[in-house]
Amino acid sequence: MARFAIDLTAVRETLGNRNFRMFTAGNAVSLLGTWVQRMAVGYLTWDLTKSGTWLGAVALAEFIPVIFLAPITGVVVDRFDRRRIAVSGQYLALLQATALAVLTITGHITAVLILLLQLFAGFVQPLIQTARLVLVPMMLPKERVGNGVAITSLIFNTARIVGPVLAGVIITTAGVGWSFALNAVSYFFVIAALNALHFPPHPPYAKPGGVWSGVFADMAAGWRYTFRHPVLGWVIPTVGVSSTLTWPIGDLLAGIADEMFNRGAAGLAAMTAAQGVGAILGGLVLAQRASVDGLSRLVIGAMVLSGLFMALFAMTTPDLYFVALALLALSAFFGVMVGVGSQSLTQTAVEDHMRGRSLSVWYTITRAGPAIGALILGALANVFGFSAPIMAAGAITAGVAALTLFIRNPQGAPPANGNK
């Protein structure tokens, strides 16, 4: 059984690495700007259209390119200099944020332009995220990669709470366009941090036919490698169930707060905060782990508990509102262990020349799952209400994870490979 006591020694040692410390500082500022912009995009779209359909279309525009591009970007970061790819992606994202800021501040923004700019962001994000993921093991020794991933998640979830609050202040005091301007400025911090990193460039790709030959063959090889891997081959598909059934709950909280608990906007804010607090604490627990030993069992065990607490959350009533908040926080606590732990496994368990492709598999599945799940659960909620679909989703998640634990290690004995 994992020990959940907090010991910050591993965190201090990981942040003692100069490269990772600089990367983390720049990334923290950039992520704060990203969450400010996400809030502002939704607000501006609604302000211009008063249409839920437009809100969905704008969200979908950013997501669709990810499905098709993430597997290819895995090949790209395995072939080219990873730092240069990350920096180039940041400049493209800076361009998108600047366009949103200028068009909004000058009064020329329209819903169609927001849609097109979010579509552009959808093409850029897989490149940025995959390159960021593969940079972590280039900065840290293998035994600290898991800590680094957890610290990055901790910062991400902190920004997820602080960013929308900051966006609300900017929108009400200066105007929504300045939220985009803030995000544009934030990219300079992460670009400076990436350029200041000290490590050798990625070795040049050498293959007959040139750097772009055989891209799709290499992409297919990455998927085969990942799903035939003795650990990732069962961890990633299992985590895919959780990403599809329990991770989308955050996208449905507006309806849950209103329909299940009659709490409206205040309930949405409280539930979002509860999820954020749970996720931050879960990230902090993972960040202090001394190694990745036993991490696969922790990931699947956390998936059992995340699904269980989600099912219990779905069974609560308005009279048990504060109990529901606690259950939501607990589900997020274990849910972040599933996401961050599985990413750490992917970072550490693969060969370096396959890391980009394996991470792109993880990224594709964990990015596509919530979008597909939100669509399915939302449609079911229109027919049955939110409670029954969410309870079923949590129960199925817990059941699949429990069955996986039994099949993979029925006696509970330590696996032969310590990384499992």
Protein backbone atom coordinates (compact mmCIF):
# COMPACT_ATOMS: atom_id res chain seq x y z
CA MET A 1 0.00 0.00 0.00
CA ALA A 2 1.42 3.39 -0.98
CA ARG A 3 2.43 5.73 1.83
CA PHE A 4 0.79 9.12 1.48
CA ALA A 5 2.86 11.08 4.04
CA ILE A 6 4.28 14.27 2.64
CA ASP A 7 8.07 14.51 2.47
CA LEU A 8 9.37 17.41 0.37
CA THR A 9 12.95 16.14 0.16
CA ALA A 10 12.42 14.72 -3.33
CA VAL A 11 10.75 17.95 -4.44
CA ARG A 12 13.68 20.05 -3.22
CA GLU A 13 16.20 17.74 -4.85
CA THR A 14 14.32 17.79 -8.16
CA LEU A 15 14.01 21.59 -8.17
CA GLY A 16 17.70 21.76 -7.28
CA ASN A 17 18.39 20.80 -10.90
CA ARG A 18 19.12 24.09 -12.70
CA ASN A 19 17.55 23.11 -16.02
CA PHE A 20 14.36 21.83 -14.46
CA ARG A 21 14.09 24.80 -12.10
CA MET A 22 14.32 27.28 -14.98
CA PHE A 23 11.92 25.27 -17.13
CA THR A 24 9.44 25.06 -14.24
CA ALA A 25 9.53 28.80 -13.58
CA GLY A 26 8.92 29.70 -17.22
CA ASN A 27 6.28 27.01 -17.61
CA ALA A 28 4.43 28.22 -14.51
CA VAL A 29 4.01 31.73 -15.94
CA SER A 30 2.98 30.35 -19.33
CA LEU A 31 0.40 27.96 -17.83
CA LEU A 32 -1.13 30.79 -15.81
CA GLY A 33 -1.53 32.77 -19.03
CA THR A 34 -2.98 29.75 -20.79
CA TRP A 35 -5.73 29.33 -18.19
CA VAL A 36 -6.47 33.05 -18.25
CA GLN A 37 -6.96 32.80 -22.03
CA ARG A 38 -9.12 29.67 -21.81
CA MET A 39 -11.50 31.45 -19.46
CA ALA A 40 -11.50 34.55 -21.67
CA VAL A 41 -12.19 32.62 -24.89
CA GLY A 42 -15.29 31.02 -23.38
CA TYR A 43 -16.48 34.33 -21.95
CA LEU A 44 -15.95 36.21 -25.23
CA THR A 45 -17.60 33.51 -27.33
CA TRP A 46 -20.68 33.55 -25.12
CA ASP A 47 -20.74 37.35 -25.03
CA LEU A 48 -20.71 37.52 -28.83
CA THR A 49 -23.16 34.71 -29.58
CA LYS A 50 -25.17 33.78 -26.46
CA SER A 51 -25.07 30.29 -28.00
CA GLY A 52 -24.14 26.99 -26.37
CA THR A 53 -23.63 25.56 -29.85
CA TRP A 54 -20.92 28.14 -30.54
CA LEU A 55 -19.26 27.36 -27.22
CA GLY A 56 -19.13 23.68 -28.19
CA ALA A 57 -17.90 24.47 -31.68
CA VAL A 58 -15.03 26.63 -30.38
CA ALA A 59 -13.99 23.91 -27.91
CA LEU A 60 -14.19 21.26 -30.64
CA ALA A 61 -12.13 23.38 -33.05
CA GLU A 62 -9.16 23.25 -30.67
CA PHE A 63 -9.59 19.53 -30.04
CA ILE A 64 -10.05 18.04 -33.53
CA PRO A 65 -6.49 18.65 -34.82
CA VAL A 66 -5.06 16.96 -31.71
CA ILE A 67 -6.48 13.56 -32.67
CA PHE A 68 -4.76 13.60 -36.05
CA LEU A 69 -1.57 15.48 -35.23
CA ALA A 70 -0.49 14.14 -31.84
CA PRO A 71 0.68 10.76 -33.22
CA ILE A 72 2.66 12.55 -35.95
CA THR A 73 4.25 15.05 -33.57
CA GLY A 74 5.59 12.08 -31.62
CA VAL A 75 7.60 11.13 -34.70
CA VAL A 76 8.69 14.75 -35.23
CA VAL A 77 10.14 15.16 -31.73
CA ASP A 78 11.99 11.85 -32.07
CA ARG A 79 13.59 13.08 -35.32
CA PHE A 80 14.39 16.74 -34.69
CA ASP A 81 15.89 18.95 -31.99
CA ARG A 82 13.32 18.88 -29.21
CA ARG A 83 14.16 22.26 -27.71
CA ARG A 84 13.88 24.01 -31.08
CA ILE A 85 10.50 22.36 -31.67
CA ALA A 86 9.26 23.52 -28.26
CA VAL A 87 10.47 27.09 -28.84
CA SER A 88 8.96 27.21 -32.34
CA GLY A 89 5.63 26.01 -30.97
CA GLN A 90 5.69 28.72 -28.28
CA TYR A 91 6.24 31.42 -30.91
CA LEU A 92 3.24 30.13 -32.89
CA ALA A 93 1.11 30.16 -29.73
CA LEU A 94 2.34 33.69 -29.02
CA LEU A 95 1.17 34.69 -32.49
CA GLN A 96 -2.31 33.25 -31.83
CA ALA A 97 -2.66 35.01 -28.47
CA THR A 98 -1.46 38.30 -29.97
CA ALA A 99 -4.00 38.04 -32.79
CA LEU A 100 -6.80 37.46 -30.28
CA ALA A 101 -5.65 40.43 -28.19
CA VAL A 102 -5.34 42.87 -31.10
CA LEU A 103 -8.61 41.87 -32.75
CA THR A 104 -10.51 42.05 -29.44
CA ILE A 105 -9.04 45.32 -28.18
CA THR A 106 -9.64 47.02 -31.55
CA GLY A 107 -13.21 45.71 -31.72
CA HIS A 108 -12.75 43.56 -34.84
CA ILE A 109 -13.16 40.13 -33.23
CA THR A 110 -16.02 37.85 -34.33
CA ALA A 111 -17.13 34.35 -33.37
CA VAL A 112 -15.84 33.04 -36.70
CA LEU A 113 -12.40 34.54 -36.07
CA ILE A 114 -12.32 33.00 -32.58
CA LEU A 115 -13.19 29.63 -34.13
CA LEU A 116 -10.42 29.92 -36.73
CA LEU A 117 -7.83 31.04 -34.18
CA GLN A 118 -8.75 28.17 -31.84
CA LEU A 119 -8.44 25.79 -34.77
CA PHE A 120 -4.94 27.19 -35.32
CA ALA A 121 -4.21 26.59 -31.63
CA GLY A 122 -5.33 22.99 -32.08
CA PHE A 123 -2.61 22.50 -34.69
CA VAL A 124 0.05 24.09 -32.46
CA GLN A 125 -0.72 22.49 -29.08
CA PRO A 126 0.25 18.86 -29.94
CA LEU A 127 3.67 20.10 -31.05
CA ILE A 128 4.17 22.14 -27.87
CA GLN A 129 2.90 19.49 -25.48
CA THR A 130 4.77 16.52 -26.98
CA ALA A 131 8.02 18.50 -27.10
CA ARG A 132 7.53 19.63 -23.49
CA LEU A 133 6.93 16.07 -22.36
CA VAL A 134 10.11 14.68 -23.90
CA LEU A 135 12.24 17.53 -22.53
CA VAL A 136 11.68 16.50 -18.89
CA PRO A 137 13.80 13.29 -19.02
CA MET A 138 16.51 15.28 -20.83
CA MET A 139 16.80 17.57 -17.79
CA LEU A 140 16.55 15.09 -14.93
CA PRO A 141 18.14 11.77 -13.98
CA LYS A 142 15.82 8.82 -14.48
CA GLU A 143 15.06 8.43 -10.77
CA ARG A 144 13.78 12.05 -10.65
CA VAL A 145 11.64 12.05 -13.81
CA GLY A 146 8.52 10.98 -11.93
CA ASN A 147 9.02 13.81 -9.43
CA GLY A 148 9.46 16.26 -12.29
CA VAL A 149 6.23 15.16 -13.98
CA ALA A 150 4.35 15.45 -10.69
CA ILE A 151 5.72 18.94 -10.01
CA THR A 152 4.66 20.02 -13.50
CA SER A 153 1.17 18.66 -12.81
CA LEU A 154 1.09 20.50 -9.49
CA ILE A 155 1.82 23.77 -11.28
CA PHE A 156 -0.74 22.99 -13.99
CA ASN A 157 -3.52 22.40 -11.45
CA THR A 158 -2.57 25.48 -9.45
CA ALA A 159 -2.80 27.55 -12.63
CA ARG A 160 -6.16 25.91 -13.34
CA ILE A 161 -7.51 27.47 -10.13
CA VAL A 162 -5.69 30.83 -10.17
CA GLY A 163 -5.96 31.50 -13.92
CA PRO A 164 -9.77 31.79 -14.18
CA VAL A 165 -9.85 33.99 -11.07
CA LEU A 166 -7.24 36.31 -12.58
CA ALA A 167 -9.12 36.30 -15.88
CA GLY A 168 -12.29 37.37 -14.08
CA VAL A 169 -10.47 40.31 -12.51
CA ILE A 170 -8.94 41.40 -15.83
CA ILE A 171 -12.22 41.05 -17.75
CA THR A 172 -14.17 43.12 -15.24
CA THR A 173 -11.55 45.82 -14.80
CA ALA A 174 -9.61 46.15 -18.08
CA GLY A 175 -11.59 44.17 -20.66
CA VAL A 176 -11.40 40.69 -22.11
CA GLY A 177 -8.83 41.62 -24.76
CA TRP A 178 -6.20 42.28 -22.10
CA SER A 179 -6.56 38.67 -20.90
CA PHE A 180 -5.25 37.58 -24.29
CA ALA A 181 -2.49 40.20 -24.08
CA LEU A 182 -1.41 38.79 -20.71
CA ASN A 183 -1.19 35.31 -22.20
CA ALA A 184 0.86 36.63 -25.11
CA VAL A 185 3.36 38.21 -22.71
CA SER A 186 3.54 34.97 -20.67
CA TYR A 187 5.02 33.11 -23.64
CA PHE A 188 8.19 35.23 -23.49
CA PHE A 189 8.96 33.73 -20.06
CA VAL A 190 8.78 30.11 -21.21
CA ILE A 191 10.67 30.92 -24.43
CA ALA A 192 13.46 32.54 -22.39
CA ALA A 193 13.55 29.55 -20.05
CA LEU A 194 13.76 27.06 -22.92
CA ASN A 195 16.58 29.00 -24.58
CA ALA A 196 18.51 29.11 -21.28
CA LEU A 197 18.54 25.32 -20.79
CA HIS A 198 21.94 23.64 -20.84
CA PHE A 199 21.99 20.25 -22.52
CA PRO A 200 23.31 18.80 -25.77
CA PRO A 201 21.12 19.20 -28.86
CA HIS A 202 19.05 16.24 -30.00
CA PRO A 203 21.25 14.02 -32.20
CA PRO A 204 20.54 14.48 -35.93
CA TYR A 205 18.14 12.00 -37.49
CA ALA A 206 19.85 9.70 -39.94
CA LYS A 207 17.80 7.47 -42.22
CA PRO A 208 17.95 6.74 -45.94
CA GLY A 209 15.51 8.92 -47.84
CA GLY A 210 15.74 12.02 -45.63
CA VAL A 211 14.23 13.28 -42.41
CA TRP A 212 10.63 13.19 -43.67
CA SER A 213 10.72 9.71 -45.18
CA GLY A 214 8.71 6.97 -43.53
CA VAL A 215 6.85 9.26 -41.11
CA PHE A 216 3.69 7.15 -41.05
CA ALA A 217 5.66 3.92 -40.79
CA ASP A 218 7.51 5.29 -37.78
CA MET A 219 4.24 6.51 -36.28
CA ALA A 220 2.76 3.02 -36.62
CA ALA A 221 5.94 1.57 -35.12
CA GLY A 222 5.50 3.84 -32.10
CA TRP A 223 1.95 2.61 -31.49
CA ARG A 224 3.04 -1.02 -31.89
CA TYR A 225 5.98 -0.50 -29.54
CA THR A 226 3.79 1.15 -26.90
CA PHE A 227 1.00 -1.42 -26.92
CA ARG A 228 3.45 -4.34 -26.95
CA HIS A 229 5.42 -2.87 -24.06
CA PRO A 230 5.25 -5.14 -20.97
CA VAL A 231 4.02 -2.27 -18.75
CA LEU A 232 2.58 0.45 -20.97
CA GLY A 233 0.74 -2.10 -23.09
CA TRP A 234 -1.78 -2.63 -20.29
CA VAL A 235 -1.42 0.58 -18.25
CA ILE A 236 -2.25 3.05 -21.05
CA PRO A 237 -5.42 1.27 -22.31
CA THR A 238 -6.64 0.94 -18.71
CA VAL A 239 -5.98 4.62 -18.04
CA GLY A 240 -7.86 5.33 -21.28
CA VAL A 241 -11.01 4.03 -19.59
CA SER A 242 -10.56 6.49 -16.73
CA SER A 243 -9.81 9.39 -19.08
CA THR A 244 -13.02 8.68 -20.98
CA LEU A 245 -15.38 8.07 -18.08
CA THR A 246 -14.22 10.09 -15.05
CA TRP A 247 -11.95 12.86 -16.34
CA PRO A 248 -14.77 14.56 -18.38
CA ILE A 249 -16.68 15.39 -15.18
CA GLY A 250 -14.98 18.78 -15.04
CA ASP A 251 -16.55 19.73 -18.39
CA LEU A 252 -20.01 18.84 -17.05
CA LEU A 253 -19.80 20.63 -13.69
CA ALA A 254 -21.91 23.60 -14.83
CA GLY A 255 -24.86 21.29 -15.45
CA ILE A 256 -24.15 19.14 -12.38
CA ALA A 257 -24.03 22.15 -10.05
CA ASP A 258 -27.31 23.48 -11.40
CA GLU A 259 -29.34 20.30 -11.95
CA MET A 260 -28.11 18.00 -9.17
CA PHE A 261 -27.49 20.54 -6.41
CA ASN A 262 -29.42 23.70 -7.42
CA ARG A 263 -26.33 25.79 -6.72
CA GLY A 264 -25.80 27.60 -10.03
CA ALA A 265 -22.64 29.63 -10.59
CA ALA A 266 -21.62 29.50 -6.92
CA GLY A 267 -21.82 25.72 -6.97
CA LEU A 268 -19.79 25.58 -10.18
CA ALA A 269 -17.05 27.70 -8.59
CA ALA A 270 -17.02 25.57 -5.41
CA MET A 271 -16.89 22.28 -7.34
CA THR A 272 -14.15 23.54 -9.64
CA ALA A 273 -12.15 24.62 -6.60
CA ALA A 274 -12.75 21.24 -4.89
CA GLN A 275 -11.42 19.42 -7.95
CA GLY A 276 -8.43 21.76 -8.11
CA VAL A 277 -7.54 21.33 -4.44
CA GLY A 278 -7.79 17.55 -4.73
CA ALA A 279 -5.63 17.55 -7.85
CA ILE A 280 -2.99 19.78 -6.22
CA LEU A 281 -2.75 17.52 -3.16
CA GLY A 282 -2.53 14.43 -5.38
CA GLY A 283 0.25 16.01 -7.39
CA LEU A 284 2.08 16.94 -4.18
CA VAL A 285 1.94 13.33 -2.96
CA LEU A 286 3.36 12.05 -6.23
CA ALA A 287 6.01 14.76 -6.32
CA GLN A 288 7.56 13.50 -3.07
CA ARG A 289 7.94 9.86 -4.22
CA ALA A 290 11.56 8.80 -4.15
CA SER A 291 11.32 6.51 -7.22
CA VAL A 292 8.93 5.00 -9.77
CA ASP A 293 9.04 1.59 -8.09
CA GLY A 294 5.54 0.15 -7.84
CA LEU A 295 4.09 3.07 -9.79
CA SER A 296 1.95 0.99 -12.15
CA ARG A 297 0.12 -0.62 -9.23
CA LEU A 298 -0.32 2.79 -7.61
CA VAL A 299 -1.79 4.18 -10.86
CA ILE A 300 -4.35 1.40 -11.24
CA GLY A 301 -5.12 1.33 -7.51
CA ALA A 302 -5.74 5.09 -7.61
CA MET A 303 -8.02 4.53 -10.58
CA VAL A 304 -10.14 2.16 -8.48
CA LEU A 305 -10.51 4.79 -5.76
CA SER A 306 -11.10 7.66 -8.19
CA GLY A 307 -13.95 5.76 -9.84
CA LEU A 308 -15.39 4.70 -6.49
CA PHE A 309 -15.46 8.24 -5.10
CA MET A 310 -16.97 9.50 -8.35
CA ALA A 311 -19.78 6.94 -8.09
CA LEU A 312 -20.40 7.96 -4.47
CA PHE A 313 -20.43 11.62 -5.52
CA ALA A 314 -23.16 10.84 -8.06
CA MET A 315 -25.31 9.33 -5.30
CA THR A 316 -25.33 12.46 -3.13
CA THR A 317 -28.25 14.90 -2.89
CA PRO A 318 -28.51 18.67 -2.35
CA ASP A 319 -28.73 18.04 1.40
CA LEU A 320 -25.29 16.41 1.23
CA TYR A 321 -23.71 19.20 -0.79
CA PHE A 322 -20.57 19.55 1.33
CA VAL A 323 -20.13 15.77 1.39
CA ALA A 324 -20.36 15.89 -2.40
CA LEU A 325 -17.58 18.51 -2.52
CA ALA A 326 -15.36 16.28 -0.37
CA LEU A 327 -16.05 13.25 -2.58
CA LEU A 328 -15.30 15.29 -5.71
CA ALA A 329 -11.99 16.42 -4.21
CA LEU A 330 -11.09 12.82 -3.29
CA SER A 331 -11.89 11.62 -6.80
CA ALA A 332 -9.67 14.37 -8.25
CA PHE A 333 -6.92 13.52 -5.72
CA PHE A 334 -6.71 9.95 -7.00
CA GLY A 335 -7.53 10.95 -10.57
CA VAL A 336 -4.42 13.10 -10.85
CA MET A 337 -2.37 10.14 -9.62
CA VAL A 338 -3.76 8.15 -12.54
CA GLY A 339 -2.86 10.82 -15.09
CA VAL A 340 0.50 11.94 -13.72
CA GLY A 341 1.57 8.44 -12.69
CA SER A 342 0.84 6.98 -16.13
CA GLN A 343 2.75 9.83 -17.78
CA SER A 344 5.71 9.22 -15.45
CA LEU A 345 5.68 5.55 -16.40
CA THR A 346 5.68 6.44 -20.07
CA GLN A 347 8.56 8.87 -19.54
CA THR A 348 10.75 6.34 -17.73
CA ALA A 349 9.86 2.93 -19.14
CA VAL A 350 10.66 3.49 -22.83
CA GLU A 351 13.85 3.75 -24.85
CA ASP A 352 14.88 7.31 -25.66
CA HIS A 353 14.47 6.96 -29.43
CA MET A 354 10.83 5.89 -28.89
CA ARG A 355 9.97 8.34 -26.10
CA GLY A 356 8.33 10.97 -28.28
CA ARG A 357 6.14 8.43 -30.04
CA SER A 358 5.11 6.63 -26.85
CA LEU A 359 4.29 9.95 -25.16
CA SER A 360 2.25 10.96 -28.20
CA VAL A 361 0.23 7.75 -27.76
CA TRP A 362 -0.37 8.62 -24.10
CA TYR A 363 -1.21 12.22 -25.00
CA THR A 364 -3.63 11.23 -27.78
CA ILE A 365 -5.53 8.78 -25.60
CA THR A 366 -5.70 11.01 -22.53
CA ARG A 367 -6.64 14.05 -24.64
CA ALA A 368 -9.25 12.31 -26.80
CA GLY A 369 -10.82 10.38 -23.90
CA PRO A 370 -12.23 13.37 -21.98
CA ALA A 371 -13.64 14.98 -25.14
CA ILE A 372 -15.37 11.78 -26.26
CA GLY A 373 -16.51 11.01 -22.72
CA ALA A 374 -17.96 14.49 -22.20
CA LEU A 375 -19.99 14.10 -25.40
CA ILE A 376 -21.30 10.66 -24.38
CA LEU A 377 -22.03 11.50 -20.74
CA GLY A 378 -23.60 14.82 -21.73
CA ALA A 379 -25.92 13.09 -24.19
CA LEU A 380 -26.89 10.48 -21.58
CA ALA A 381 -27.49 13.26 -19.03
CA ASN A 382 -30.00 14.85 -21.40
CA VAL A 383 -32.05 11.63 -21.18
CA PHE A 384 -31.40 10.26 -17.69
CA GLY A 385 -30.10 13.27 -15.75
CA PHE A 386 -26.51 13.58 -14.52
CA SER A 387 -26.61 11.25 -11.52
CA ALA A 388 -27.12 7.87 -13.21
CA PRO A 389 -24.53 8.28 -16.03
CA ILE A 390 -21.88 9.61 -13.63
CA MET A 391 -22.52 6.81 -11.13
CA ALA A 392 -22.22 4.24 -13.93
CA ALA A 393 -19.05 5.87 -15.25
CA GLY A 394 -17.43 5.80 -11.81
CA ALA A 395 -18.48 2.19 -11.17
CA ILE A 396 -17.21 0.99 -14.56
CA THR A 397 -13.90 2.80 -14.03
CA ALA A 398 -13.41 1.24 -10.60
CA GLY A 399 -14.44 -2.20 -11.85
CA VAL A 400 -12.11 -2.18 -14.87
CA ALA A 401 -9.19 -1.03 -12.71
CA ALA A 402 -9.89 -3.64 -10.02
CA LEU A 403 -10.07 -6.38 -12.65
CA THR A 404 -6.79 -5.18 -14.15
CA LEU A 405 -5.08 -5.33 -10.76
CA PHE A 406 -6.35 -8.88 -10.26
CA ILE A 407 -5.26 -10.07 -13.71
CA ARG A 408 -1.86 -8.43 -13.66
CA ASN A 409 -0.92 -9.29 -10.08
CA PRO A 410 -3.57 -11.52 -8.46
CA GLN A 411 -1.53 -12.34 -5.33
CA GLY A 412 -0.42 -8.76 -4.76
CA ALA A 413 3.24 -9.77 -4.87
CA PRO A 414 5.82 -7.21 -6.01
CA PRO A 415 6.28 -7.41 -9.78
CA ALA A 416 9.53 -8.71 -11.18
CA ASN A 417 10.48 -5.34 -12.62
CA GLY A 418 10.61 -2.66 -9.96
CA ASN A 419 9.30 -0.03 -12.40
CA LYS A 420 6.04 -1.90 -12.76
